[in-house]
Amino acid sequence: MEQKSNTISESKALSRMAHQCARREYCVFDIETKLQRYNLDREAIDNIITYLKKEKYIDELRFTRSFIKDKIRFNKWGKTKIEFALRQKRVPQETVEEAFLDFTDEQLNDSLHDLLQAKWKTIKGKTDYERRNKLIRFGLSRGFDMNNILDCMKNIK
């Protein structure tokens, strides 16, 4: 089967992106990726992104704050994993650092104790040492800091 060309005009692409950005937060990288699917040239993509930034449809700091809040609240991620995900979305490091200033360490690690407590009940291992190592790896995989994990583990049993 032949694949249909997915080319649209610059004005139609701008309209679609403005509509999508009005509905939820996007970063520049997400919008760029979507626009590349429409086979637009680099200049058209840059024009659309410049317009969306100027009209406040796209705001990297607003996106980053929202992203962090959602990942803490719904996915129960730690700071390290959130930073890595934002790096994948090519959000500037300065923006990430500025957005994290809005969150306290307590907010960032709030879900850690409950996560570890629930996971402890399901971990199987021959020795207590093995179970603790698995729990530490689990906490690290969720993006939490080793010191915070060890502090929380003191209260778990």
N, C-alpha and C. Protein backbone atom coordinates (compact mmCIF):
# COMPACT_ATOMS: atom_id res chain seq x y z
N MET A 1 0.84 -1.19 0.00
CA MET A 1 0.00 0.00 0.00
C MET A 1 0.87 1.24 0.00
N GLU A 2 0.43 2.25 -0.72
CA GLU A 2 1.15 3.51 -0.74
C GLU A 2 0.82 4.31 0.51
N GLN A 3 1.85 5.01 1.00
CA GLN A 3 1.63 5.84 2.18
C GLN A 3 1.32 7.26 1.72
N LYS A 4 0.28 7.82 2.26
CA LYS A 4 -0.16 9.16 1.90
C LYS A 4 0.80 10.20 2.45
N SER A 5 1.13 11.22 1.67
CA SER A 5 1.99 12.30 2.12
C SER A 5 1.27 13.09 3.21
N ASN A 6 2.01 13.49 4.21
CA ASN A 6 1.42 14.15 5.36
C ASN A 6 1.78 15.63 5.38
N THR A 7 1.89 16.26 4.20
CA THR A 7 2.28 17.65 4.11
C THR A 7 1.06 18.55 4.21
N ILE A 8 1.19 19.58 5.06
CA ILE A 8 0.12 20.58 5.17
C ILE A 8 0.76 21.96 5.12
N SER A 9 -0.05 22.99 4.99
CA SER A 9 0.48 24.34 4.88
C SER A 9 0.96 24.83 6.24
N GLU A 10 1.80 25.86 6.20
CA GLU A 10 2.35 26.43 7.43
C GLU A 10 1.24 27.02 8.30
N SER A 11 0.28 27.69 7.69
CA SER A 11 -0.81 28.31 8.47
C SER A 11 -1.69 27.26 9.13
N LYS A 12 -1.94 26.16 8.41
CA LYS A 12 -2.75 25.09 9.00
C LYS A 12 -2.00 24.40 10.14
N ALA A 13 -0.70 24.22 9.97
CA ALA A 13 0.12 23.62 11.03
C ALA A 13 0.15 24.53 12.26
N LEU A 14 0.26 25.84 12.03
CA LEU A 14 0.24 26.80 13.13
C LEU A 14 -1.08 26.72 13.88
N SER A 15 -2.16 26.64 13.13
CA SER A 15 -3.48 26.55 13.74
C SER A 15 -3.61 25.29 14.59
N ARG A 16 -3.16 24.17 14.06
CA ARG A 16 -3.23 22.90 14.81
C ARG A 16 -2.39 22.95 16.08
N MET A 17 -1.18 23.48 15.97
CA MET A 17 -0.30 23.54 17.14
C MET A 17 -0.83 24.50 18.20
N ALA A 18 -1.39 25.63 17.77
CA ALA A 18 -1.97 26.58 18.72
C ALA A 18 -3.13 25.93 19.46
N HIS A 19 -3.94 25.17 18.73
CA HIS A 19 -5.07 24.48 19.35
C HIS A 19 -4.58 23.45 20.37
N GLN A 20 -3.56 22.67 20.00
CA GLN A 20 -3.03 21.66 20.92
C GLN A 20 -2.38 22.31 22.14
N CYS A 21 -1.64 23.40 21.93
CA CYS A 21 -0.97 24.07 23.06
C CYS A 21 -1.98 24.74 23.99
N ALA A 22 -3.13 25.11 23.47
CA ALA A 22 -4.17 25.71 24.30
C ALA A 22 -4.82 24.66 25.20
N ARG A 23 -4.76 23.40 24.79
CA ARG A 23 -5.40 22.33 25.55
C ARG A 23 -4.52 21.75 26.64
N ARG A 24 -3.19 21.72 26.43
CA ARG A 24 -2.27 21.20 27.45
C ARG A 24 -0.89 21.76 27.22
N GLU A 25 -0.01 21.55 28.20
CA GLU A 25 1.35 22.08 28.13
C GLU A 25 2.24 21.21 27.23
N TYR A 26 3.02 21.88 26.40
CA TYR A 26 4.01 21.21 25.55
C TYR A 26 5.32 21.96 25.67
N CYS A 27 6.42 21.23 25.46
CA CYS A 27 7.72 21.87 25.38
C CYS A 27 8.05 22.07 23.90
N VAL A 28 9.08 22.84 23.64
CA VAL A 28 9.47 23.14 22.26
C VAL A 28 9.79 21.85 21.50
N PHE A 29 10.48 20.92 22.14
CA PHE A 29 10.87 19.68 21.49
C PHE A 29 9.64 18.89 21.02
N ASP A 30 8.60 18.82 21.86
CA ASP A 30 7.37 18.10 21.47
C ASP A 30 6.73 18.73 20.24
N ILE A 31 6.64 20.05 20.22
CA ILE A 31 6.03 20.75 19.10
C ILE A 31 6.87 20.58 17.84
N GLU A 32 8.19 20.67 18.00
CA GLU A 32 9.08 20.47 16.85
C GLU A 32 8.89 19.08 16.25
N THR A 33 8.79 18.08 17.09
CA THR A 33 8.60 16.70 16.64
C THR A 33 7.29 16.58 15.87
N LYS A 34 6.23 17.18 16.39
CA LYS A 34 4.93 17.13 15.71
C LYS A 34 4.99 17.83 14.36
N LEU A 35 5.66 18.97 14.31
CA LEU A 35 5.74 19.73 13.07
C LEU A 35 6.58 19.01 12.01
N GLN A 36 7.58 18.27 12.43
CA GLN A 36 8.41 17.54 11.47
C GLN A 36 7.61 16.44 10.77
N ARG A 37 6.57 15.94 11.43
CA ARG A 37 5.72 14.93 10.80
C ARG A 37 4.93 15.50 9.62
N TYR A 38 4.75 16.82 9.63
CA TYR A 38 4.01 17.47 8.54
C TYR A 38 4.91 17.83 7.37
N ASN A 39 6.17 17.39 7.40
CA ASN A 39 7.14 17.63 6.33
C ASN A 39 7.33 19.12 6.02
N LEU A 40 7.32 19.94 7.07
CA LEU A 40 7.57 21.37 6.90
C LEU A 40 9.07 21.61 6.88
N ASP A 41 9.50 22.68 6.19
CA ASP A 41 10.92 22.99 6.18
C ASP A 41 11.32 23.64 7.50
N ARG A 42 12.61 23.72 7.75
CA ARG A 42 13.14 24.20 9.03
C ARG A 42 12.68 25.63 9.32
N GLU A 43 12.65 26.46 8.31
CA GLU A 43 12.25 27.87 8.50
C GLU A 43 10.79 27.97 8.96
N ALA A 44 9.93 27.17 8.37
CA ALA A 44 8.52 27.18 8.75
C ALA A 44 8.34 26.71 10.20
N ILE A 45 9.07 25.68 10.57
CA ILE A 45 9.00 25.17 11.95
C ILE A 45 9.47 26.25 12.93
N ASP A 46 10.57 26.91 12.59
CA ASP A 46 11.08 27.97 13.47
C ASP A 46 10.09 29.13 13.58
N ASN A 47 9.45 29.48 12.46
CA ASN A 47 8.46 30.57 12.49
C ASN A 47 7.27 30.21 13.39
N ILE A 48 6.80 28.99 13.28
CA ILE A 48 5.66 28.55 14.08
C ILE A 48 6.02 28.55 15.56
N ILE A 49 7.19 28.01 15.89
CA ILE A 49 7.61 27.96 17.29
C ILE A 49 7.82 29.37 17.85
N THR A 50 8.39 30.26 17.08
CA THR A 50 8.58 31.64 17.52
C THR A 50 7.23 32.30 17.81
N TYR A 51 6.28 32.09 16.92
CA TYR A 51 4.93 32.66 17.12
C TYR A 51 4.30 32.09 18.39
N LEU A 52 4.37 30.77 18.57
CA LEU A 52 3.76 30.13 19.74
C LEU A 52 4.40 30.61 21.04
N LYS A 53 5.71 30.86 21.02
CA LYS A 53 6.38 31.39 22.21
C LYS A 53 5.95 32.82 22.48
N LYS A 54 5.90 33.62 21.40
CA LYS A 54 5.54 35.03 21.55
C LYS A 54 4.13 35.19 22.10
N GLU A 55 3.22 34.35 21.66
CA GLU A 55 1.83 34.43 22.10
C GLU A 55 1.57 33.62 23.37
N LYS A 56 2.64 33.11 23.98
CA LYS A 56 2.57 32.37 25.26
C LYS A 56 1.81 31.05 25.17
N TYR A 57 1.74 30.46 23.98
CA TYR A 57 1.19 29.11 23.88
C TYR A 57 2.20 28.11 24.43
N ILE A 58 3.48 28.40 24.19
CA ILE A 58 4.57 27.56 24.70
C ILE A 58 5.37 28.38 25.70
N ASP A 59 5.57 27.82 26.87
CA ASP A 59 6.42 28.43 27.88
C ASP A 59 7.17 27.29 28.55
N GLU A 60 8.47 27.20 28.32
CA GLU A 60 9.28 26.09 28.83
C GLU A 60 9.21 25.99 30.36
N LEU A 61 9.27 27.12 31.05
CA LEU A 61 9.25 27.09 32.51
C LEU A 61 7.89 26.60 33.02
N ARG A 62 6.83 27.07 32.42
CA ARG A 62 5.49 26.63 32.81
C ARG A 62 5.33 25.13 32.55
N PHE A 63 5.82 24.67 31.39
CA PHE A 63 5.77 23.25 31.07
C PHE A 63 6.56 22.44 32.09
N THR A 64 7.76 22.89 32.42
CA THR A 64 8.63 22.15 33.34
C THR A 64 8.01 22.05 34.72
N ARG A 65 7.45 23.14 35.22
CA ARG A 65 6.79 23.09 36.53
C ARG A 65 5.63 22.11 36.52
N SER A 66 4.84 22.15 35.48
CA SER A 66 3.70 21.24 35.35
C SER A 66 4.16 19.79 35.26
N PHE A 67 5.20 19.55 34.49
CA PHE A 67 5.75 18.21 34.31
C PHE A 67 6.23 17.65 35.64
N ILE A 68 6.98 18.46 36.39
CA ILE A 68 7.51 18.03 37.68
C ILE A 68 6.36 17.70 38.63
N LYS A 69 5.39 18.59 38.70
CA LYS A 69 4.26 18.39 39.60
C LYS A 69 3.51 17.10 39.27
N ASP A 70 3.28 16.86 37.99
CA ASP A 70 2.56 15.66 37.57
C ASP A 70 3.35 14.38 37.87
N LYS A 71 4.65 14.39 37.62
CA LYS A 71 5.47 13.20 37.85
C LYS A 71 5.59 12.88 39.34
N ILE A 72 5.62 13.90 40.18
CA ILE A 72 5.66 13.67 41.62
C ILE A 72 4.32 13.12 42.09
N ARG A 73 3.27 13.73 41.64
CA ARG A 73 1.93 13.40 42.13
C ARG A 73 1.40 12.06 41.60
N PHE A 74 1.51 11.85 40.30
CA PHE A 74 0.88 10.68 39.69
C PHE A 74 1.83 9.50 39.51
N ASN A 75 3.07 9.75 39.11
CA ASN A 75 4.00 8.66 38.83
C ASN A 75 4.88 8.32 40.03
N LYS A 76 4.89 9.20 41.03
CA LYS A 76 5.70 9.01 42.25
C LYS A 76 7.19 8.86 41.91
N TRP A 77 7.67 9.76 41.05
CA TRP A 77 9.07 9.76 40.66
C TRP A 77 9.88 10.66 41.58
N GLY A 78 11.17 10.38 41.66
CA GLY A 78 12.10 11.22 42.39
C GLY A 78 12.75 12.24 41.47
N LYS A 79 13.52 13.13 42.05
CA LYS A 79 14.13 14.23 41.32
C LYS A 79 15.02 13.77 40.18
N THR A 80 15.83 12.74 40.41
CA THR A 80 16.77 12.27 39.39
C THR A 80 16.05 11.78 38.14
N LYS A 81 15.01 11.00 38.32
CA LYS A 81 14.28 10.46 37.17
C LYS A 81 13.55 11.58 36.41
N ILE A 82 13.02 12.55 37.15
CA ILE A 82 12.35 13.69 36.51
C ILE A 82 13.35 14.50 35.69
N GLU A 83 14.51 14.76 36.26
CA GLU A 83 15.55 15.51 35.53
C GLU A 83 15.94 14.79 34.25
N PHE A 84 16.08 13.47 34.33
CA PHE A 84 16.45 12.69 33.15
C PHE A 84 15.37 12.78 32.06
N ALA A 85 14.11 12.68 32.47
CA ALA A 85 13.01 12.77 31.50
C ALA A 85 12.97 14.15 30.85
N LEU A 86 13.24 15.19 31.63
CA LEU A 86 13.26 16.55 31.06
C LEU A 86 14.45 16.73 30.12
N ARG A 87 15.56 16.08 30.43
CA ARG A 87 16.72 16.14 29.55
C ARG A 87 16.39 15.47 28.22
N GLN A 88 15.61 14.39 28.26
CA GLN A 88 15.20 13.71 27.03
C GLN A 88 14.31 14.62 26.18
N LYS A 89 13.55 15.48 26.82
CA LYS A 89 12.70 16.42 26.11
C LYS A 89 13.45 17.70 25.72
N ARG A 90 14.74 17.71 26.00
CA ARG A 90 15.64 18.80 25.63
C ARG A 90 15.23 20.14 26.25
N VAL A 91 14.76 20.09 27.47
CA VAL A 91 14.45 21.31 28.21
C VAL A 91 15.78 21.85 28.74
N PRO A 92 16.05 23.15 28.59
CA PRO A 92 17.34 23.70 29.05
C PRO A 92 17.56 23.47 30.55
N GLN A 93 18.79 23.18 30.94
CA GLN A 93 19.13 22.87 32.33
C GLN A 93 18.78 24.02 33.26
N GLU A 94 18.98 25.26 32.82
CA GLU A 94 18.67 26.43 33.65
C GLU A 94 17.18 26.47 33.98
N THR A 95 16.35 26.11 33.01
CA THR A 95 14.90 26.08 33.21
C THR A 95 14.53 25.00 34.22
N VAL A 96 15.16 23.84 34.11
CA VAL A 96 14.89 22.73 35.04
C VAL A 96 15.27 23.15 36.46
N GLU A 97 16.46 23.74 36.60
CA GLU A 97 16.91 24.17 37.93
C GLU A 97 15.97 25.21 38.52
N GLU A 98 15.54 26.15 37.70
CA GLU A 98 14.62 27.20 38.17
C GLU A 98 13.28 26.60 38.59
N ALA A 99 12.78 25.65 37.84
CA ALA A 99 11.49 25.02 38.17
C ALA A 99 11.58 24.21 39.46
N PHE A 100 12.71 23.54 39.70
CA PHE A 100 12.86 22.75 40.92
C PHE A 100 12.94 23.62 42.17
N LEU A 101 13.24 24.90 42.02
CA LEU A 101 13.27 25.81 43.17
C LEU A 101 11.89 25.97 43.79
N ASP A 102 10.85 25.72 43.01
CA ASP A 102 9.47 25.83 43.51
C ASP A 102 9.05 24.66 44.39
N PHE A 103 9.86 23.61 44.42
CA PHE A 103 9.52 22.40 45.16
C PHE A 103 10.51 22.18 46.29
N THR A 104 9.99 21.87 47.48
CA THR A 104 10.85 21.59 48.63
C THR A 104 11.31 20.13 48.56
N ASP A 105 12.35 19.82 49.32
CA ASP A 105 12.81 18.43 49.40
C ASP A 105 11.71 17.54 49.95
N GLU A 106 10.93 18.08 50.87
CA GLU A 106 9.83 17.31 51.45
C GLU A 106 8.80 16.93 50.38
N GLN A 107 8.48 17.87 49.50
CA GLN A 107 7.53 17.59 48.41
C GLN A 107 8.10 16.55 47.46
N LEU A 108 9.38 16.66 47.15
CA LEU A 108 10.02 15.75 46.20
C LEU A 108 10.11 14.33 46.74
N ASN A 109 10.23 14.19 48.07
CA ASN A 109 10.42 12.86 48.66
C ASN A 109 9.20 12.39 49.44
N ASP A 110 8.09 13.07 49.29
CA ASP A 110 6.88 12.79 50.05
C ASP A 110 6.38 11.36 49.85
N SER A 111 6.42 10.87 48.65
CA SER A 111 5.85 9.56 48.34
C SER A 111 6.83 8.41 48.59
N LEU A 112 8.08 8.71 48.87
CA LEU A 112 9.11 7.67 49.00
C LEU A 112 8.79 6.66 50.09
N HIS A 113 8.43 7.12 51.27
CA HIS A 113 8.17 6.20 52.38
C HIS A 113 7.05 5.21 52.04
N ASP A 114 5.95 5.73 51.49
CA ASP A 114 4.81 4.86 51.14
C ASP A 114 5.19 3.86 50.05
N LEU A 115 5.97 4.32 49.07
CA LEU A 115 6.42 3.43 48.00
C LEU A 115 7.27 2.28 48.55
N LEU A 116 8.23 2.65 49.38
CA LEU A 116 9.13 1.63 49.93
C LEU A 116 8.39 0.68 50.87
N GLN A 117 7.47 1.23 51.64
CA GLN A 117 6.68 0.40 52.57
C GLN A 117 5.87 -0.64 51.80
N ALA A 118 5.23 -0.21 50.72
CA ALA A 118 4.42 -1.12 49.91
C ALA A 118 5.29 -2.15 49.20
N LYS A 119 6.42 -1.70 48.69
CA LYS A 119 7.32 -2.61 47.96
C LYS A 119 7.95 -3.64 48.89
N TRP A 120 8.26 -3.26 50.12
CA TRP A 120 8.88 -4.16 51.09
C TRP A 120 8.04 -5.43 51.29
N LYS A 121 6.73 -5.25 51.26
CA LYS A 121 5.82 -6.38 51.49
C LYS A 121 5.85 -7.38 50.33
N THR A 122 6.23 -6.93 49.15
CA THR A 122 6.19 -7.80 47.97
C THR A 122 7.55 -8.37 47.58
N ILE A 123 8.62 -7.84 48.15
CA ILE A 123 9.96 -8.29 47.77
C ILE A 123 10.25 -9.67 48.37
N LYS A 124 10.76 -10.53 47.53
CA LYS A 124 11.14 -11.86 47.98
C LYS A 124 12.66 -11.98 47.94
N GLY A 125 13.21 -12.59 48.96
CA GLY A 125 14.65 -12.79 49.01
C GLY A 125 14.99 -13.78 50.10
N LYS A 126 16.14 -14.41 49.97
CA LYS A 126 16.55 -15.43 50.94
C LYS A 126 16.93 -14.80 52.28
N THR A 127 17.59 -13.65 52.21
CA THR A 127 18.02 -13.00 53.44
C THR A 127 17.46 -11.59 53.50
N ASP A 128 17.50 -11.03 54.70
CA ASP A 128 17.06 -9.65 54.90
C ASP A 128 17.95 -8.70 54.10
N TYR A 129 19.24 -9.01 54.04
CA TYR A 129 20.22 -8.21 53.30
C TYR A 129 19.84 -8.15 51.82
N GLU A 130 19.46 -9.27 51.24
CA GLU A 130 19.07 -9.34 49.83
C GLU A 130 17.80 -8.52 49.58
N ARG A 131 16.84 -8.62 50.48
CA ARG A 131 15.60 -7.87 50.36
C ARG A 131 15.86 -6.36 50.43
N ARG A 132 16.75 -5.96 51.34
CA ARG A 132 17.08 -4.53 51.49
C ARG A 132 17.76 -4.00 50.22
N ASN A 133 18.64 -4.81 49.63
CA ASN A 133 19.30 -4.39 48.39
C ASN A 133 18.29 -4.22 47.26
N LYS A 134 17.34 -5.11 47.18
CA LYS A 134 16.31 -5.00 46.15
C LYS A 134 15.47 -3.74 46.37
N LEU A 135 15.20 -3.45 47.62
CA LEU A 135 14.42 -2.25 47.93
C LEU A 135 15.19 -0.98 47.58
N ILE A 136 16.48 -0.97 47.85
CA ILE A 136 17.32 0.18 47.50
C ILE A 136 17.35 0.36 45.99
N ARG A 137 17.52 -0.73 45.24
CA ARG A 137 17.52 -0.64 43.78
C ARG A 137 16.18 -0.11 43.26
N PHE A 138 15.10 -0.55 43.89
CA PHE A 138 13.77 -0.06 43.49
C PHE A 138 13.67 1.45 43.71
N GLY A 139 14.11 1.91 44.87
CA GLY A 139 14.06 3.35 45.16
C GLY A 139 14.91 4.15 44.20
N LEU A 140 16.09 3.64 43.88
CA LEU A 140 16.98 4.32 42.93
C LEU A 140 16.36 4.34 41.53
N SER A 141 15.70 3.26 41.15
CA SER A 141 15.08 3.21 39.82
C SER A 141 13.94 4.21 39.70
N ARG A 142 13.34 4.57 40.81
CA ARG A 142 12.27 5.58 40.82
C ARG A 142 12.83 7.00 40.85
N GLY A 143 14.16 7.12 40.94
CA GLY A 143 14.78 8.44 40.85
C GLY A 143 15.02 9.12 42.18
N PHE A 144 14.98 8.38 43.27
CA PHE A 144 15.21 8.98 44.57
C PHE A 144 16.68 8.91 44.94
N ASP A 145 17.10 9.80 45.82
CA ASP A 145 18.48 9.89 46.28
C ASP A 145 18.78 8.79 47.29
N MET A 146 19.99 8.25 47.24
CA MET A 146 20.39 7.15 48.12
C MET A 146 20.22 7.50 49.60
N ASN A 147 20.61 8.71 49.99
CA ASN A 147 20.51 9.12 51.39
C ASN A 147 19.05 9.12 51.86
N ASN A 148 18.16 9.60 51.02
CA ASN A 148 16.74 9.62 51.38
C ASN A 148 16.17 8.20 51.48
N ILE A 149 16.63 7.33 50.59
CA ILE A 149 16.17 5.94 50.62
C ILE A 149 16.61 5.28 51.92
N LEU A 150 17.88 5.47 52.28
CA LEU A 150 18.40 4.86 53.50
C LEU A 150 17.70 5.41 54.74
N ASP A 151 17.39 6.72 54.74
CA ASP A 151 16.65 7.31 55.87
C ASP A 151 15.27 6.69 56.00
N CYS A 152 14.58 6.51 54.89
CA CYS A 152 13.25 5.92 54.92
C CYS A 152 13.28 4.46 55.33
N MET A 153 14.34 3.76 54.94
CA MET A 153 14.42 2.33 55.25
C MET A 153 14.61 2.07 56.74
N LYS A 154 15.08 3.05 57.48
CA LYS A 154 15.23 2.88 58.93
C LYS A 154 13.87 2.66 59.60
N ASN A 155 12.83 3.24 59.00
CA ASN A 155 11.48 3.16 59.58
C ASN A 155 10.65 2.01 59.02
N ILE A 156 11.22 1.25 58.10
CA ILE A 156 10.46 0.19 57.44
C ILE A 156 10.78 -1.16 58.05
N LYS A 157 9.79 -1.94 58.31
CA LYS A 157 9.91 -3.34 58.76
C LYS A 157 8.54 -3.92 58.88
